[in-house]
Amino acid sequence: MLQAFPFPIRTECPPGACVCQRDVLLADADSDTRILRLTREEEKKLLAHIDNIASYDELNKLAERLNSQLGVVLRITPSNNEVRSARGLSIVLAERPGLCRKTRQAVPTAIRRCLDRHPEIIYAILDAHDLLGPN
């Protein structure tokens, strides 16, 4: 039986277009449904917020809020090869039921755009992973 929610939830994707397992999430009464709060309108606001990030601290706050409010884990790590730009970083939203495929692609793309505009954030990420030398 599908749950009723006191808040608007994301509409389902067209059949075959997504592998988010939204129906499985809705059918399980014990599942974590916080991710369904990320409607298309809220996703647009999130992407706009990411475009306005100007520091490493703001990026970390975003990652913490994604985890606390939606249960989504954002990982940004340097790749094993050389990092010359934002393309050298691995930016991943961990897969979980209810998280749309398009969202898993749009958020890292927006973060890369932000990092291209603010290379000092890339240096801070590298420094946080001890790639620029000892602290």
C-alpha atoms as a PDB file:
ATOM      1  CA  MET A   1       0.000   0.000   0.000  1.00  0.00           C
ATOM      2  CA  LEU A   2       1.366   3.429  -0.930  1.00  0.00           C
ATOM      3  CA  GLN A   3       1.999   5.957   1.805  1.00  0.00           C
ATOM      4  CA  ALA A   4       0.331   9.364   2.070  1.00  0.00           C
ATOM      5  CA  PHE A   5       2.673  12.306   2.696  1.00  0.00           C
ATOM      6  CA  PRO A   6       1.965  15.651   4.394  1.00  0.00           C
ATOM      7  CA  PHE A   7       4.401  17.345   1.981  1.00  0.00           C
ATOM      8  CA  PRO A   8       4.666  17.394  -1.818  1.00  0.00           C
ATOM      9  CA  ILE A   9       6.780  14.578  -3.232  1.00  0.00           C
ATOM     10  CA  ARG A  10       8.626  14.187  -6.504  1.00  0.00           C
ATOM     11  CA  THR A  11       6.490  13.014  -9.390  1.00  0.00           C
ATOM     12  CA  GLU A  12       7.497   9.755 -10.927  1.00  0.00           C
ATOM     13  CA  CYS A  13       9.704   9.591 -13.984  1.00  0.00           C
ATOM     14  CA  PRO A  14       8.364   8.114 -17.231  1.00  0.00           C
ATOM     15  CA  PRO A  15       8.517   4.299 -17.252  1.00  0.00           C
ATOM     16  CA  GLY A  16      11.906   3.032 -18.379  1.00  0.00           C
ATOM     17  CA  ALA A  17      13.523   6.473 -18.203  1.00  0.00           C
ATOM     18  CA  CYS A  18      14.821   6.152 -14.650  1.00  0.00           C
ATOM     19  CA  VAL A  19      16.051   3.489 -12.263  1.00  0.00           C
ATOM     20  CA  CYS A  20      15.243   5.348  -9.040  1.00  0.00           C
ATOM     21  CA  GLN A  21      13.043   2.579  -7.593  1.00  0.00           C
ATOM     22  CA  ARG A  22      10.523   5.148  -6.386  1.00  0.00           C
ATOM     23  CA  ASP A  23       7.674   2.639  -6.276  1.00  0.00           C
ATOM     24  CA  VAL A  24       9.676   0.236  -4.096  1.00  0.00           C
ATOM     25  CA  LEU A  25      10.479   3.100  -1.735  1.00  0.00           C
ATOM     26  CA  LEU A  26       6.851   4.160  -1.518  1.00  0.00           C
ATOM     27  CA  ALA A  27       5.638   0.602  -0.936  1.00  0.00           C
ATOM     28  CA  ASP A  28       7.919   0.011   2.064  1.00  0.00           C
ATOM     29  CA  ALA A  29       6.475   1.645   5.191  1.00  0.00           C
ATOM     30  CA  ASP A  30       9.843   1.531   7.021  1.00  0.00           C
ATOM     31  CA  SER A  31      11.889   3.172   4.265  1.00  0.00           C
ATOM     32  CA  ASP A  32      13.607   6.550   4.483  1.00  0.00           C
ATOM     33  CA  THR A  33      11.455   8.738   2.215  1.00  0.00           C
ATOM     34  CA  ARG A  34      13.233  12.062   2.837  1.00  0.00           C
ATOM     35  CA  ILE A  35      14.644  11.973  -0.694  1.00  0.00           C
ATOM     36  CA  LEU A  36      11.139  12.293  -2.127  1.00  0.00           C
ATOM     37  CA  ARG A  37      10.982  15.861  -0.758  1.00  0.00           C
ATOM     38  CA  LEU A  38      13.355  16.832  -3.573  1.00  0.00           C
ATOM     39  CA  THR A  39      10.720  17.779  -6.123  1.00  0.00           C
ATOM     40  CA  ARG A  40      11.690  19.152  -9.512  1.00  0.00           C
ATOM     41  CA  GLU A  41      11.146  22.700  -8.214  1.00  0.00           C
ATOM     42  CA  GLU A  42      13.299  22.024  -5.154  1.00  0.00           C
ATOM     43  CA  GLU A  43      15.962  20.496  -7.384  1.00  0.00           C
ATOM     44  CA  LYS A  44      16.064  23.717  -9.428  1.00  0.00           C
ATOM     45  CA  LYS A  45      16.544  25.688  -6.193  1.00  0.00           C
ATOM     46  CA  LEU A  46      19.316  23.304  -5.135  1.00  0.00           C
ATOM     47  CA  LEU A  47      21.128  23.715  -8.449  1.00  0.00           C
ATOM     48  CA  ALA A  48      20.817  27.513  -8.187  1.00  0.00           C
ATOM     49  CA  HIS A  49      22.227  27.333  -4.655  1.00  0.00           C
ATOM     50  CA  ILE A  50      25.163  25.247  -5.890  1.00  0.00           C
ATOM     51  CA  ASP A  51      25.859  27.864  -8.579  1.00  0.00           C
ATOM     52  CA  ASN A  52      26.198  30.492  -5.831  1.00  0.00           C
ATOM     53  CA  ILE A  53      28.703  28.559  -3.707  1.00  0.00           C
ATOM     54  CA  ALA A  54      31.918  30.546  -3.335  1.00  0.00           C
ATOM     55  CA  SER A  55      33.969  28.671  -0.708  1.00  0.00           C
ATOM     56  CA  TYR A  56      34.990  25.229   0.445  1.00  0.00           C
ATOM     57  CA  ASP A  57      33.103  25.742   3.727  1.00  0.00           C
ATOM     58  CA  GLU A  58      29.881  26.451   1.832  1.00  0.00           C
ATOM     59  CA  LEU A  59      30.407  23.286  -0.218  1.00  0.00           C
ATOM     60  CA  ASN A  60      30.875  21.260   2.976  1.00  0.00           C
ATOM     61  CA  LYS A  61      27.704  22.784   4.459  1.00  0.00           C
ATOM     62  CA  LEU A  62      25.821  21.801   1.321  1.00  0.00           C
ATOM     63  CA  ALA A  63      27.061  18.212   1.633  1.00  0.00           C
ATOM     64  CA  GLU A  64      26.023  18.113   5.305  1.00  0.00           C
ATOM     65  CA  ARG A  65      22.567  19.522   4.541  1.00  0.00           C
ATOM     66  CA  LEU A  66      22.035  17.049   1.699  1.00  0.00           C
ATOM     67  CA  ASN A  67      22.830  14.257   4.122  1.00  0.00           C
ATOM     68  CA  SER A  68      20.774  15.551   7.049  1.00  0.00           C
ATOM     69  CA  GLN A  69      17.710  16.718   5.119  1.00  0.00           C
ATOM     70  CA  LEU A  70      17.531  14.209   2.265  1.00  0.00           C
ATOM     71  CA  GLY A  71      19.742  11.329   3.361  1.00  0.00           C
ATOM     72  CA  VAL A  72      21.948  11.765   0.283  1.00  0.00           C
ATOM     73  CA  VAL A  73      25.712  11.341   0.566  1.00  0.00           C
ATOM     74  CA  LEU A  74      27.858  13.644  -1.596  1.00  0.00           C
ATOM     75  CA  ARG A  75      31.460  12.538  -2.126  1.00  0.00           C
ATOM     76  CA  ILE A  76      34.081  14.779  -3.718  1.00  0.00           C
ATOM     77  CA  THR A  77      37.499  13.181  -3.939  1.00  0.00           C
ATOM     78  CA  PRO A  78      40.574  13.655  -6.096  1.00  0.00           C
ATOM     79  CA  SER A  79      41.061  10.973  -8.728  1.00  0.00           C
ATOM     80  CA  ASN A  80      44.089   8.694  -8.666  1.00  0.00           C
ATOM     81  CA  ASN A  81      45.546  10.527 -11.642  1.00  0.00           C
ATOM     82  CA  GLU A  82      46.657  14.116 -11.918  1.00  0.00           C
ATOM     83  CA  VAL A  83      44.146  16.833 -10.973  1.00  0.00           C
ATOM     84  CA  ARG A  84      44.422  19.824 -13.287  1.00  0.00           C
ATOM     85  CA  SER A  85      40.824  21.012 -13.180  1.00  0.00           C
ATOM     86  CA  ALA A  86      37.413  20.136 -11.769  1.00  0.00           C
ATOM     87  CA  ARG A  87      37.344  17.243 -14.269  1.00  0.00           C
ATOM     88  CA  GLY A  88      40.067  15.532 -12.226  1.00  0.00           C
ATOM     89  CA  LEU A  89      37.790  15.261  -9.203  1.00  0.00           C
ATOM     90  CA  SER A  90      35.346  12.465  -8.584  1.00  0.00           C
ATOM     91  CA  ILE A  91      31.985  14.027  -7.657  1.00  0.00           C
ATOM     92  CA  VAL A  92      29.356  11.420  -6.821  1.00  0.00           C
ATOM     93  CA  LEU A  93      25.945  11.338  -5.193  1.00  0.00           C
ATOM     94  CA  ALA A  94      25.669   7.905  -3.614  1.00  0.00           C
ATOM     95  CA  GLU A  95      22.919   5.828  -5.165  1.00  0.00           C
ATOM     96  CA  ARG A  96      19.871   5.204  -3.042  1.00  0.00           C
ATOM     97  CA  PRO A  97      16.239   4.338  -3.716  1.00  0.00           C
ATOM     98  CA  GLY A  98      14.218   7.387  -4.727  1.00  0.00           C
ATOM     99  CA  LEU A  99      17.156   9.408  -6.059  1.00  0.00           C
ATOM    100  CA  CYS A 100      16.467  10.181  -9.707  1.00  0.00           C
ATOM    101  CA  ARG A 101      19.130   9.414 -12.311  1.00  0.00           C
ATOM    102  CA  LYS A 102      18.885  12.953 -13.665  1.00  0.00           C
ATOM    103  CA  THR A 103      19.512  14.393 -10.196  1.00  0.00           C
ATOM    104  CA  ARG A 104      22.557  12.149  -9.759  1.00  0.00           C
ATOM    105  CA  GLN A 105      23.917  13.717 -12.968  1.00  0.00           C
ATOM    106  CA  ALA A 106      22.747  17.323 -12.513  1.00  0.00           C
ATOM    107  CA  VAL A 107      24.202  17.932  -9.045  1.00  0.00           C
ATOM    108  CA  PRO A 108      27.799  16.886  -9.913  1.00  0.00           C
ATOM    109  CA  THR A 109      27.573  18.903 -13.145  1.00  0.00           C
ATOM    110  CA  ALA A 110      26.509  22.010 -11.197  1.00  0.00           C
ATOM    111  CA  ILE A 111      29.327  21.456  -8.682  1.00  0.00           C
ATOM    112  CA  ARG A 112      31.857  21.174 -11.520  1.00  0.00           C
ATOM    113  CA  ARG A 113      30.606  24.480 -12.980  1.00  0.00           C
ATOM    114  CA  CYS A 114      31.004  26.074  -9.554  1.00  0.00           C
ATOM    115  CA  LEU A 115      34.529  24.668  -9.177  1.00  0.00           C
ATOM    116  CA  ASP A 116      35.476  25.955 -12.625  1.00  0.00           C
ATOM    117  CA  ARG A 117      34.492  29.457 -11.489  1.00  0.00           C
ATOM    118  CA  HIS A 118      36.229  29.093  -8.094  1.00  0.00           C
ATOM    119  CA  PRO A 119      39.481  27.126  -8.491  1.00  0.00           C
ATOM    120  CA  GLU A 120      40.421  27.972  -4.896  1.00  0.00           C
ATOM    121  CA  ILE A 121      37.776  25.444  -3.812  1.00  0.00           C
ATOM    122  CA  ILE A 122      39.595  22.767  -5.819  1.00  0.00           C
ATOM    123  CA  TYR A 123      42.820  23.634  -3.996  1.00  0.00           C
ATOM    124  CA  ALA A 124      41.013  23.388  -0.660  1.00  0.00           C
ATOM    125  CA  ILE A 125      39.647  19.945  -1.613  1.00  0.00           C
ATOM    126  CA  LEU A 126      43.138  18.803  -2.594  1.00  0.00           C
ATOM    127  CA  ASP A 127      44.556  20.236   0.612  1.00  0.00           C
ATOM    128  CA  ALA A 128      41.882  18.473   2.669  1.00  0.00           C
ATOM    129  CA  HIS A 129      43.049  15.195   1.117  1.00  0.00           C
ATOM    130  CA  ASP A 130      46.738  16.043   1.838  1.00  0.00           C
ATOM    131  CA  LEU A 131      47.677  16.331  -1.818  1.00  0.00           C
ATOM    132  CA  LEU A 132      49.299  19.746  -1.563  1.00  0.00           C
ATOM    133  CA  GLY A 133      51.593  18.862   1.296  1.00  0.00           C
ATOM    134  CA  PRO A 134      51.542  18.464   5.063  1.00  0.00           C
ATOM    135  CA  ASN A 135      49.398  20.747   7.202  1.00  0.00           C
END
